[in-house]
């Protein structure tokens, strides 16, 4: 697929990350593309929903499966602004996503990329680092602002 098209989809995921940023959520966004159209989009909503599993990727996969009427997302490409954690990576594999493209690496919680190619039933094609600088910058700004805020211990 054309690199310009992939960039366009990642920019859409960045728009979702920006929504999360403005809600005070860790700014991660995701879009799911099927037949050259976005069928779902989401951003982190962990704080909003009081749900530790409300990651952008999981919300996007759920919406995409509903949109297609099928949990198998074989011909879909998931774009996410941050390297998925182990929880999201498992869901991506189990959802049978065909291709995963992520932006910034997650050095703390990012799943080992070998996970995607070593699953006995389904292997996901993975590309990391698309718009890495832009995807990483929004996270840096968010956490810099978060560290500058006084702690609310109550």
Protein backbone atom coordinates (compact mmCIF):
# COMPACT_ATOMS: atom_id res chain seq x y z
CA UNK A 1 0.00 0.00 0.00
CA UNK A 2 1.11 3.53 -0.76
CA UNK A 3 3.07 5.19 2.08
CA UNK A 4 1.02 8.38 1.67
CA UNK A 5 -2.20 6.49 2.28
CA UNK A 6 -0.75 4.86 5.40
CA UNK A 7 0.35 8.27 6.63
CA UNK A 8 -3.17 9.60 6.07
CA UNK A 9 -4.67 6.80 8.18
CA UNK A 10 -2.12 7.36 10.96
CA UNK A 11 -2.99 11.05 10.94
CA UNK A 12 -6.59 10.01 11.59
CA UNK A 13 -5.39 7.94 14.56
CA UNK A 14 -3.49 11.03 15.77
CA UNK A 15 -6.75 12.99 15.65
CA UNK A 16 -8.21 10.39 18.01
CA UNK A 17 -5.16 10.70 20.28
CA UNK A 18 -5.74 14.45 20.36
CA UNK A 19 -9.32 13.85 21.57
CA UNK A 20 -7.95 11.72 24.40
CA UNK A 21 -5.39 14.43 25.24
CA UNK A 22 -8.13 17.04 25.65
CA UNK A 23 -10.11 14.71 27.92
CA UNK A 24 -7.11 14.15 30.19
CA UNK A 25 -6.66 10.59 28.94
CA UNK A 26 -3.30 9.15 27.89
CA UNK A 27 -3.29 10.32 24.25
CA UNK A 28 -3.48 7.15 22.21
CA UNK A 29 -5.71 6.84 19.18
CA UNK A 30 -6.59 4.08 16.75
CA UNK A 31 -8.46 3.60 13.49
CA UNK A 32 -9.45 0.37 11.77
CA UNK A 33 -9.38 0.36 7.98
CA UNK A 34 -11.26 -2.10 5.77
CA UNK A 35 -11.37 -1.87 1.97
CA UNK A 36 -9.70 1.53 2.07
CA UNK A 37 -12.26 3.05 4.48
CA UNK A 38 -12.18 3.72 8.20
CA UNK A 39 -14.81 1.48 9.78
CA UNK A 40 -14.05 2.40 13.39
CA UNK A 41 -12.07 4.90 15.38
CA UNK A 42 -11.37 5.26 19.08
CA UNK A 43 -9.14 6.82 21.69
CA UNK A 44 -8.19 5.86 25.21
CA UNK A 45 -11.08 6.17 27.66
CA UNK A 46 -9.63 4.47 30.75
CA UNK A 47 -10.36 7.41 33.05
CA UNK A 48 -13.67 8.37 31.43
CA UNK A 49 -15.11 4.85 31.66
CA UNK A 50 -13.24 3.84 34.86
CA UNK A 51 -12.12 0.79 32.91
CA UNK A 52 -8.48 -0.30 32.71
CA UNK A 53 -9.28 -2.18 29.48
CA UNK A 54 -10.69 0.86 27.65
CA UNK A 55 -7.60 1.22 25.47
CA UNK A 56 -8.00 2.79 22.03
CA UNK A 57 -7.11 -0.45 20.27
CA UNK A 58 -9.67 -2.58 22.14
CA UNK A 59 -12.46 -0.04 21.68
CA UNK A 60 -11.61 0.23 17.98
CA UNK A 61 -11.60 -3.56 17.50
CA UNK A 62 -14.99 -3.91 19.23
CA UNK A 63 -16.54 -1.20 17.07
CA UNK A 64 -15.02 -2.65 13.91
CA UNK A 65 -16.35 -6.13 14.63
CA UNK A 66 -19.81 -4.66 15.20
CA UNK A 67 -19.55 -2.67 11.96
CA UNK A 68 -18.59 -5.76 9.94
CA UNK A 69 -20.85 -8.15 11.84
CA UNK A 70 -17.86 -10.45 12.27
CA UNK A 71 -15.18 -10.71 14.97
CA UNK A 72 -12.66 -11.93 12.40
CA UNK A 73 -10.95 -8.81 11.06
CA UNK A 74 -8.70 -10.62 8.59
CA UNK A 75 -8.69 -8.01 5.84
CA UNK A 76 -8.41 -5.05 8.21
CA UNK A 77 -5.48 -2.84 9.11
CA UNK A 78 -5.32 -1.34 12.59
CA UNK A 79 -3.42 1.95 12.93
CA UNK A 80 -2.51 2.94 16.46
CA UNK A 81 -0.36 5.82 17.64
CA UNK A 82 1.46 3.74 20.25
CA UNK A 83 2.96 0.26 20.17
CA UNK A 84 0.24 -1.96 21.68
CA UNK A 85 0.53 -3.42 25.16
CA UNK A 86 0.31 -7.16 25.74
CA UNK A 87 -3.45 -6.99 26.44
CA UNK A 88 -4.16 -5.16 23.18
CA UNK A 89 -1.73 -7.33 21.25
CA UNK A 90 -3.57 -10.45 22.38
CA UNK A 91 -6.88 -8.92 21.27
CA UNK A 92 -5.37 -7.95 17.90
CA UNK A 93 -4.23 -11.53 17.34
CA UNK A 94 -7.49 -13.09 18.55
CA UNK A 95 -9.47 -10.69 16.35
CA UNK A 96 -7.42 -11.93 13.40
CA UNK A 97 -6.39 -8.43 12.32
CA UNK A 98 -4.41 -8.71 9.10
CA UNK A 99 -2.01 -5.82 9.57
CA UNK A 100 -0.99 -3.65 12.51
CA UNK A 101 0.75 -0.32 12.01
CA UNK A 102 1.87 1.62 15.08
CA UNK A 103 3.54 4.98 15.57
CA UNK A 104 5.66 5.51 18.68
CA UNK A 105 7.37 2.66 20.55
CA UNK A 106 6.19 1.94 24.08
CA UNK A 107 9.35 1.08 26.00
CA UNK A 108 7.47 0.33 29.24
CA UNK A 109 4.39 -1.61 28.21
CA UNK A 110 4.80 -2.44 24.52
CA UNK A 111 4.40 -6.11 23.69
CA UNK A 112 7.28 -8.03 22.18
CA UNK A 113 6.87 -7.79 18.37
CA UNK A 114 7.68 -11.52 18.11
CA UNK A 115 4.28 -12.19 19.69
CA UNK A 116 2.59 -11.29 16.40
CA UNK A 117 4.58 -13.74 14.30
CA UNK A 118 4.79 -16.63 16.77
CA UNK A 119 1.09 -17.29 17.39
CA UNK A 120 0.21 -20.82 16.21
CA UNK A 121 -3.13 -19.85 14.59
CA UNK A 122 -2.74 -16.32 13.24
CA UNK A 123 0.20 -14.11 12.37
CA UNK A 124 -0.21 -10.35 12.06
CA UNK A 125 1.88 -8.29 9.65
CA UNK A 126 3.41 -5.50 11.76
CA UNK A 127 5.04 -2.19 10.87
CA UNK A 128 6.24 0.10 13.63
CA UNK A 129 7.43 3.69 13.59
CA UNK A 130 5.00 5.35 11.18
CA UNK A 131 4.89 9.06 12.12
CA UNK A 132 6.91 8.09 15.17
CA UNK A 133 7.94 11.65 16.00
CA UNK A 134 4.40 13.04 15.88
CA UNK A 135 2.94 10.10 17.78
CA UNK A 136 5.62 10.34 20.46
CA UNK A 137 5.42 14.13 20.78
CA UNK A 138 1.80 14.21 21.95
CA UNK A 139 2.66 11.67 24.66
CA UNK A 140 5.71 13.67 25.77
CA UNK A 141 3.66 16.85 26.07
CA UNK A 142 0.89 15.04 27.95
CA UNK A 143 3.21 13.49 30.54
CA UNK A 144 5.24 16.69 30.93
CA UNK A 145 2.01 18.51 31.78
CA UNK A 146 0.88 15.70 34.06
CA UNK A 147 4.16 15.79 36.04
CA UNK A 148 3.83 19.58 36.45
CA UNK A 149 0.43 19.22 38.14
CA UNK A 150 0.29 18.92 41.93
CA UNK A 151 -0.61 15.47 43.26
CA UNK A 152 -4.16 15.05 44.51
CA UNK A 153 -3.81 12.44 47.23
CA UNK A 154 -7.45 12.42 48.29
